[in-house]
Amino acid sequence: MYPVDLHIHTIASTHAYSTLHDYIAEAIKKEIKLIAITDHGPDMADAPHEYHFINMRIWPRIINGIGILRGIEANIKNVNGDIDCPSIALDAMDLIIAGFHETVFPPQDLSIHTAAMIATMSRGKVHIISHPGNPQYPIDISAVVEAAAYYQVALELNNSSFTHSRPGSASNCRAIVAATRDANGWLALGSDSHVSWSLGNFDHCKRILQEESFPEERILNVSPQKVLSFLKQKSNLLIPDLCNF
């Protein structure tokens, strides 16, 4: 069991079905200690308004013993690496994930996808690239992994990519894990949960990690403190309420 889930959607993204309260209850059952709420960026058709992200500051940092990170799964918008995290909301964010979604950035070709992903990482705002193994968006895996290691951005191993989302991702995900291992990069595990029952479900991720002998110390989800240390190093972010969490 990994006690951290870094990719979760609530009913604020209207194709998801659970509330923050639902996730807290599920986290308690599963002994998950830290969760990041990462609803879709506002350029998605059914995403929350930018006020949703600004107003995350009203959330308690710890609810019933569960730590909460305020996040977003932003959309990569173009080859220049622009994302749709509103600038006015940046100061409210703890964790910025960014990835490709068809309605914002239609699939193009390997060179454009690779350039856009690397440009996004180079901007310095993004902590995690979501579901980089998506076969609809082929990338130069070696180049992306090298850039992620250089810019200290984690690449996500997304459990839902092995089940109902992004079919055909498995071989790409395995290659990304192996390349990240060899580059001494970071991996982040995400359930990409759109309903609370799938919170913390990393069954497929764990299988790939074991088969590729990926080192535990390079997985952010190993502990809350691992994530918080990464955020401190990457963005100089210190969250006082979670310092001793």
Foldseek 3Di string as FASTA:
>chain_A
DQQEAEAAEACLQVVFHHDPVLQVVLSVVVVRAEYEHAFEFPVDPRHHDLVVLQPPVVDDQADPRHGYFRYYAWELQFLQQDTRNDPSNLVSHLAYEYEHDCVRPNADDAVSLQSNLLNNLVVLSHAEYELPLQPSHHYPLLSNLLSCQVSQHAYEDEQCCPPPPRDPSVVSSLVNQLSNQVSVGAYEYHPNHSYNVSPPPCPVVVVSCVVSVRDPLRYCSNDPVSVQVSSCVRPVDDDVVVPVD
